[in-house]
Structure formats: structure tokens, C-alpha cells
Amino acid sequence: MSQTEQQSQTELQPAEVINKQLDLGLLTRGRLVIIGLGGIGLFLARALTAFLMGLRTALADDEDIDMLLVDGKVYNERHLYRMAVPDFINKAMAVADEILQQHDCLGFNVRYLPEFVTEANVGEVIQEGDVVMMGVDNHATRHLVNEYCFRGALDNVVLISGGNDGVENGQTGSYGNVQLYIRENGVDRTAPLHRFHPEIADPQDQSPAELGCDESGVAQLTITNQFAAAMMCSTLLRLLMAGEKIQPYDEVAFDVVEGISQPHWLSTKPR
């Protein structure tokens, strides 16, 4: 890089420097949908909002980024040990209110759906061109969303699913993973979530819509939740930077206690 180019680079605002490395077409062709606003999803929504606020300068005048927040549960006192609860109301509504109160959302549209994802509304939640970020704690919902993205009438969709173990049955609660499924122009670029995970292909649990919103999950570490959310953000960032140059991985496995984070190319080879 020449001295003139270096000087020109330093004169740019930080957001502009970042924008030069990104292709935001993935985010403007559809919506950014966050399913689940619990331990992972709350951190995810806050981090993505801060990140996306800085990207608006790269948008054309007629382009917006649309975010849809989806969750049927209500925040309560049991959640306080691992997250800063924005309000003790429906999760999707609370996070949307927080974003709108704290940010100037010009060019960044935030909407919410205070419902669980079900067979009846999955077509409303997930639409053509969407980027879906799923941070739920049950395989039944993962199965439903994965099946709709894989077998539904969608030609273009990105599904990023993150989860982690709880502190139960002798587990440390430090392990988690992030899976990535991409369908592009009617062709799978990576494998759907169920292909290498039988627990998603044939879930033995129930969705919160079946259990009721008062059911509480297992104890989880906030550090693991935050790391899962960070890895989901990293997976999205890689897609915005890579384009067609790099083959996306199918999955990232991590353990926050062991300091391990390992990508896996299960259905394709890296290039």
C-alpha cells in the first residue's frame, strides 16, 4: 500500500474502513431474524444491533436492514443470574423496546413477534432471502426451523443456529456449538442441521409452545451463552466478508473452559 493510500485509509471513519471489507447484500435481500431471546439471543441481539448501526453508512438511500425478534416467553427473576434483563415482559417486545430506546434506528427497522415458532407461523417468521439466527434451547424448535429452511419453498436462506450445554449431570456447561446452513438459488451450499445431528433429526424433547412458557430450562453459564452469541456473530461476519471466495464451514464447536474453538467442514472442503 502506498503512502497516499495509507493516508487516505487513516482519514476514513472506523465504520467506513470496516464497510469497505463487507458485502451487505446478504442482509438487505431479506430480513435478519433472531429466534429466541434468552441467554444466547439477548447477547446476540445487542451485539448485532451495535454492529449493524455502524454499517448503515454503506447502505444505498433506498436500502434498509430489517430485524425481526421472535420469542413467546416472558423475562422473569430466574433469568437475572445470567443476563441483564431489559424488562419483565415478553422477551421479543422487551428487546425491541430496548433497541429503539437506545439507538437511532434510521435505516434499521426493528420489529417483534411475541410468539413461539410453530408449524402454523413458521412461514411468517422465515421468508425468502432471510438470514435466520436461532439461539433456542430445544431440539424440537431446531428441527422445525431446519426443516422449513431445508424443505420449504425457499430458494435463498441462511440459518445460523447456536446452543450450549447446561450445568447438569456432571457437565461443566462450558461446551457449545454453532451450525451453519446455506441454501442459495435452490442449492445447498452446506448441509442442513439434521444431517450430522440425529438429536435434531429426531428430537426427543418438546418445543416451548408445547410445554408452556412457564417451563424453566437447566442452569447455564452466562460466559458460555456470550461465547455462543459471539461465535454466531463471527459466523455471520465471515459470510459478509467471504462471499464466494471461502467455502463456509458447517459447524464450530467450542469449550470456554478448555479454550477450544474448532471449525468443521463436514459436507464440503475448505478452500
Protein backbone atom coordinates (compact mmCIF):
# COMPACT_ATOMS: atom_id res chain seq x y z
CA MET A 1 0.00 0.00 0.00
CA SER A 2 1.40 3.40 -0.99
CA GLN A 3 1.81 6.30 1.45
CA THR A 4 -1.08 8.11 -0.25
CA GLU A 5 -3.33 5.08 0.16
CA GLN A 6 -2.30 4.71 3.81
CA GLN A 7 -3.10 8.37 4.48
CA SER A 8 -6.45 8.03 2.71
CA GLN A 9 -7.22 4.96 4.82
CA THR A 10 -6.47 6.76 8.10
CA GLU A 11 -8.76 9.64 7.12
CA LEU A 12 -11.73 7.30 6.90
CA GLN A 13 -14.07 6.86 9.84
CA PRO A 14 -13.73 3.42 11.53
CA ALA A 15 -17.13 2.30 10.24
CA GLU A 16 -16.13 3.20 6.69
CA VAL A 17 -12.94 1.17 6.99
CA ILE A 18 -14.98 -1.85 8.07
CA ASN A 19 -17.63 -1.30 5.41
CA LYS A 20 -15.02 -1.49 2.65
CA GLN A 21 -14.44 -5.14 3.58
CA LEU A 22 -18.09 -6.19 3.66
CA ASP A 23 -20.81 -7.06 1.18
CA LEU A 24 -24.13 -6.25 2.84
CA GLY A 25 -26.28 -7.77 0.10
CA LEU A 26 -26.92 -10.77 2.34
CA LEU A 27 -28.59 -8.51 4.91
CA THR A 28 -30.61 -6.30 2.57
CA ARG A 29 -32.11 -9.01 0.31
CA GLY A 30 -34.36 -10.20 3.17
CA ARG A 31 -34.58 -9.76 6.92
CA LEU A 32 -32.34 -10.60 9.87
CA VAL A 33 -34.49 -12.88 12.04
CA ILE A 34 -33.46 -13.70 15.62
CA ILE A 35 -35.38 -16.64 17.11
CA GLY A 36 -35.02 -16.98 20.87
CA LEU A 37 -34.13 -14.03 23.10
CA GLY A 38 -32.84 -15.96 26.10
CA GLY A 39 -29.28 -16.38 27.32
CA ILE A 40 -27.79 -16.53 23.81
CA GLY A 41 -30.33 -14.48 21.88
CA LEU A 42 -30.26 -11.44 24.18
CA PHE A 43 -26.48 -11.10 23.86
CA LEU A 44 -26.77 -11.78 20.15
CA ALA A 45 -29.39 -9.09 19.55
CA ARG A 46 -27.41 -6.48 21.49
CA ALA A 47 -24.12 -7.28 19.74
CA LEU A 48 -25.65 -7.38 16.26
CA THR A 49 -27.50 -4.12 16.81
CA ALA A 50 -24.30 -2.32 17.79
CA PHE A 51 -22.52 -3.84 14.79
CA LEU A 52 -25.28 -3.05 12.30
CA MET A 53 -25.63 0.54 13.48
CA GLY A 54 -22.16 1.18 12.11
CA LEU A 55 -22.93 -0.41 8.74
CA ARG A 56 -25.72 1.93 7.76
CA THR A 57 -23.30 4.31 6.04
CA ALA A 58 -22.63 1.59 3.47
CA LEU A 59 -26.30 1.29 2.52
CA ALA A 60 -27.83 2.97 -0.50
CA ASP A 61 -30.54 5.55 0.13
CA ASP A 62 -33.25 3.05 -0.77
CA GLU A 63 -31.81 0.20 1.34
CA ASP A 64 -32.69 -0.73 4.91
CA ILE A 65 -31.71 -3.51 7.31
CA ASP A 66 -34.79 -5.17 8.81
CA MET A 67 -34.58 -7.13 12.07
CA LEU A 68 -37.35 -9.38 13.38
CA LEU A 69 -37.18 -10.60 17.00
CA VAL A 70 -39.17 -13.75 17.82
CA ASP A 71 -39.89 -15.27 21.24
CA GLY A 72 -43.04 -16.26 23.11
CA LYS A 73 -41.56 -16.27 26.62
CA VAL A 74 -41.54 -13.60 29.31
CA TYR A 75 -38.43 -12.49 31.20
CA ASN A 76 -38.63 -13.18 34.95
CA GLU A 77 -36.44 -13.09 38.06
CA ARG A 78 -34.99 -16.55 37.33
CA HIS A 79 -33.10 -15.09 34.37
CA LEU A 80 -31.21 -12.47 36.38
CA TYR A 81 -28.31 -14.75 37.33
CA ARG A 82 -27.03 -14.85 33.74
CA MET A 83 -28.36 -11.82 31.87
CA ALA A 84 -29.22 -8.16 32.32
CA VAL A 85 -32.96 -8.38 31.71
CA PRO A 86 -34.27 -5.31 29.85
CA ASP A 87 -37.80 -5.61 31.26
CA PHE A 88 -40.08 -8.24 32.80
CA ILE A 89 -42.37 -8.53 29.81
CA ASN A 90 -42.38 -10.64 26.65
CA LYS A 91 -38.76 -11.17 25.58
CA ALA A 92 -39.13 -10.10 21.95
CA MET A 93 -41.04 -6.98 22.95
CA ALA A 94 -38.56 -6.09 25.71
CA VAL A 95 -35.51 -6.36 23.44
CA ALA A 96 -37.20 -4.42 20.63
CA ASP A 97 -38.13 -1.64 23.09
CA GLU A 98 -34.57 -1.53 24.42
CA ILE A 99 -33.08 -1.23 20.94
CA LEU A 100 -35.50 1.51 19.90
CA GLN A 101 -34.89 3.48 23.09
CA GLN A 102 -31.09 3.26 22.96
CA HIS A 103 -30.40 3.71 19.25
CA ASP A 104 -31.24 5.99 16.39
CA CYS A 105 -32.68 3.33 14.12
CA LEU A 106 -32.85 5.31 10.88
CA GLY A 107 -32.30 2.74 8.12
CA PHE A 108 -32.53 -0.06 10.68
CA ASN A 109 -36.06 -1.37 11.19
CA VAL A 110 -36.81 -3.42 14.30
CA ARG A 111 -39.98 -5.47 14.65
CA TYR A 112 -41.00 -8.22 17.03
CA LEU A 113 -43.29 -11.24 17.15
CA PRO A 114 -44.22 -12.26 20.73
CA GLU A 115 -44.86 -15.88 19.79
CA PHE A 116 -43.06 -19.21 19.72
CA VAL A 117 -42.19 -20.62 16.31
CA THR A 118 -44.76 -23.26 15.35
CA GLU A 119 -45.94 -25.11 12.27
CA ALA A 120 -48.68 -22.50 11.95
CA ASN A 121 -46.47 -19.40 11.87
CA VAL A 122 -43.08 -20.61 10.60
CA GLY A 123 -43.87 -19.27 7.12
CA GLU A 124 -44.43 -15.83 8.61
CA VAL A 125 -41.27 -15.99 10.71
CA ILE A 126 -38.97 -17.19 7.91
CA GLN A 127 -39.26 -15.84 4.37
CA GLU A 128 -37.30 -15.81 1.11
CA GLY A 129 -33.85 -14.26 1.46
CA ASP A 130 -33.83 -14.13 5.26
CA VAL A 131 -30.80 -14.63 7.48
CA VAL A 132 -32.07 -16.57 10.50
CA MET A 133 -30.11 -16.53 13.77
CA MET A 134 -31.50 -19.15 16.15
CA GLY A 135 -30.47 -19.28 19.81
CA VAL A 136 -33.04 -21.66 21.30
CA ASP A 137 -32.56 -24.32 23.99
CA ASN A 138 -34.51 -27.23 22.49
CA HIS A 139 -34.09 -29.59 19.55
CA ALA A 140 -37.79 -29.57 18.65
CA THR A 141 -37.62 -25.92 17.57
CA ARG A 142 -34.29 -26.51 15.81
CA HIS A 143 -35.91 -29.38 13.90
CA LEU A 144 -38.91 -27.28 12.88
CA VAL A 145 -36.88 -24.30 11.67
CA ASN A 146 -34.30 -26.50 9.93
CA GLU A 147 -37.00 -28.50 8.14
CA TYR A 148 -38.71 -25.36 6.90
CA CYS A 149 -35.46 -23.89 5.59
CA PHE A 150 -34.46 -27.22 4.03
CA ARG A 151 -37.77 -28.49 2.66
CA GLY A 152 -39.82 -25.30 2.40
CA ALA A 153 -40.30 -23.31 -0.78
CA LEU A 154 -37.24 -21.13 -0.16
CA ASP A 155 -34.52 -20.71 -2.75
CA ASN A 156 -32.30 -18.45 -0.63
CA VAL A 157 -31.94 -18.62 3.14
CA VAL A 158 -29.15 -18.64 5.72
CA LEU A 159 -29.64 -20.39 9.06
CA ILE A 160 -27.14 -19.93 11.88
CA SER A 161 -28.00 -21.94 15.00
CA GLY A 162 -26.14 -21.67 18.29
CA GLY A 163 -26.52 -23.60 21.53
CA ASN A 164 -24.67 -24.80 24.60
CA ASP A 165 -24.85 -27.38 27.36
CA GLY A 166 -26.25 -26.61 30.76
CA VAL A 167 -24.69 -27.29 34.14
CA GLU A 168 -26.32 -30.66 34.85
CA ASN A 169 -25.49 -34.35 35.14
CA GLY A 170 -21.86 -33.58 35.97
CA GLN A 171 -21.35 -31.33 32.93
CA THR A 172 -19.44 -28.08 33.30
CA GLY A 173 -21.79 -26.17 31.00
CA SER A 174 -18.79 -24.90 29.05
CA TYR A 175 -19.38 -26.68 25.72
CA GLY A 176 -21.40 -25.36 22.80
CA ASN A 177 -21.59 -25.26 19.03
CA VAL A 178 -22.76 -23.12 16.13
CA GLN A 179 -24.16 -24.66 12.95
CA LEU A 180 -24.48 -23.01 9.55
CA TYR A 181 -26.87 -23.98 6.77
CA ILE A 182 -26.89 -22.05 3.49
CA ARG A 183 -29.35 -22.54 0.66
CA GLU A 184 -28.50 -20.45 -2.40
CA ASN A 185 -30.54 -20.34 -5.61
CA GLY A 186 -32.24 -23.58 -4.62
CA VAL A 187 -28.95 -25.42 -3.97
CA ASP A 188 -27.45 -26.38 -0.60
CA ARG A 189 -24.01 -24.87 -0.04
CA THR A 190 -23.73 -26.56 3.34
CA ALA A 191 -25.58 -29.42 4.98
CA PRO A 192 -28.85 -28.84 6.85
CA LEU A 193 -28.64 -29.07 10.63
CA HIS A 194 -30.07 -32.57 10.93
CA ARG A 195 -27.63 -34.34 8.61
CA PHE A 196 -24.89 -34.82 11.21
CA HIS A 197 -27.02 -34.40 14.32
CA PRO A 198 -29.56 -37.19 14.97
CA GLU A 199 -30.84 -35.33 18.03
CA ILE A 200 -32.13 -32.63 15.65
CA ALA A 201 -33.33 -35.10 13.00
CA ASP A 202 -35.43 -36.90 15.63
CA PRO A 203 -35.85 -34.61 18.65
CA GLN A 204 -36.84 -36.25 21.91
CA ASP A 205 -37.84 -33.02 23.64
CA GLN A 206 -40.71 -30.59 23.15
CA SER A 207 -40.84 -27.00 21.98
CA PRO A 208 -41.81 -24.27 24.47
CA ALA A 209 -45.05 -23.88 22.55
CA GLU A 210 -45.91 -27.44 23.63
CA LEU A 211 -44.56 -27.15 27.17
CA GLY A 212 -45.90 -23.71 28.05
CA CYS A 213 -43.92 -20.55 28.72
CA ASP A 214 -43.59 -21.19 32.48
CA GLU A 215 -41.26 -24.14 31.99
CA SER A 216 -37.71 -23.32 33.11
CA GLY A 217 -34.62 -24.80 31.49
CA VAL A 218 -31.39 -26.06 33.00
CA ALA A 219 -28.86 -23.76 34.63
CA GLN A 220 -26.44 -22.27 32.11
CA LEU A 221 -23.25 -20.27 32.33
CA THR A 222 -23.53 -16.69 31.10
CA ILE A 223 -19.95 -16.92 29.81
CA THR A 224 -20.89 -19.86 27.58
CA ASN A 225 -24.02 -18.05 26.39
CA GLN A 226 -21.97 -14.99 25.46
CA PHE A 227 -19.38 -17.08 23.65
CA ALA A 228 -22.09 -18.86 21.65
CA ALA A 229 -23.56 -15.49 20.68
CA ALA A 230 -20.10 -14.20 19.72
CA MET A 231 -19.46 -17.26 17.54
CA MET A 232 -22.80 -16.75 15.80
CA CYS A 233 -21.81 -13.14 15.09
CA SER A 234 -18.43 -14.35 13.81
CA THR A 235 -20.11 -16.85 11.50
CA LEU A 236 -22.26 -14.09 10.02
CA LEU A 237 -19.27 -11.76 9.70
CA ARG A 238 -17.36 -14.43 7.79
CA LEU A 239 -20.19 -14.68 5.30
CA LEU A 240 -20.32 -10.91 4.83
CA MET A 241 -16.56 -10.86 4.21
CA ALA A 242 -16.04 -14.07 2.27
CA GLY A 243 -18.65 -14.05 -0.47
CA GLU A 244 -17.77 -16.82 -2.89
CA LYS A 245 -14.07 -16.81 -2.01
CA ILE A 246 -14.20 -19.11 1.01
CA GLN A 247 -16.26 -22.26 1.50
CA PRO A 248 -18.31 -21.77 4.68
CA TYR A 249 -17.84 -24.30 7.45
CA ASP A 250 -20.79 -26.40 8.60
CA GLU A 251 -20.15 -26.08 12.30
CA VAL A 252 -17.94 -24.60 15.01
CA ALA A 253 -17.52 -26.49 18.29
CA PHE A 254 -16.13 -24.74 21.36
CA ASP A 255 -15.37 -25.19 25.03
CA VAL A 256 -14.86 -21.99 27.02
CA VAL A 257 -13.05 -23.75 29.90
CA GLU A 258 -10.61 -25.59 27.64
CA GLY A 259 -10.12 -22.53 25.41
CA ILE A 260 -11.05 -24.51 22.28
CA SER A 261 -12.86 -23.28 19.18
CA GLN A 262 -12.73 -25.59 16.17
CA PRO A 263 -14.47 -25.17 12.79
CA HIS A 264 -15.60 -28.31 10.95
CA TRP A 265 -16.17 -28.76 7.22
CA LEU A 266 -18.46 -31.78 7.26
CA SER A 267 -20.26 -31.59 3.93
CA THR A 268 -17.64 -29.64 1.96
CA LYS A 269 -13.92 -28.98 1.90
CA PRO A 270 -12.41 -25.60 2.84
CA ARG A 271 -10.88 -23.56 0.06
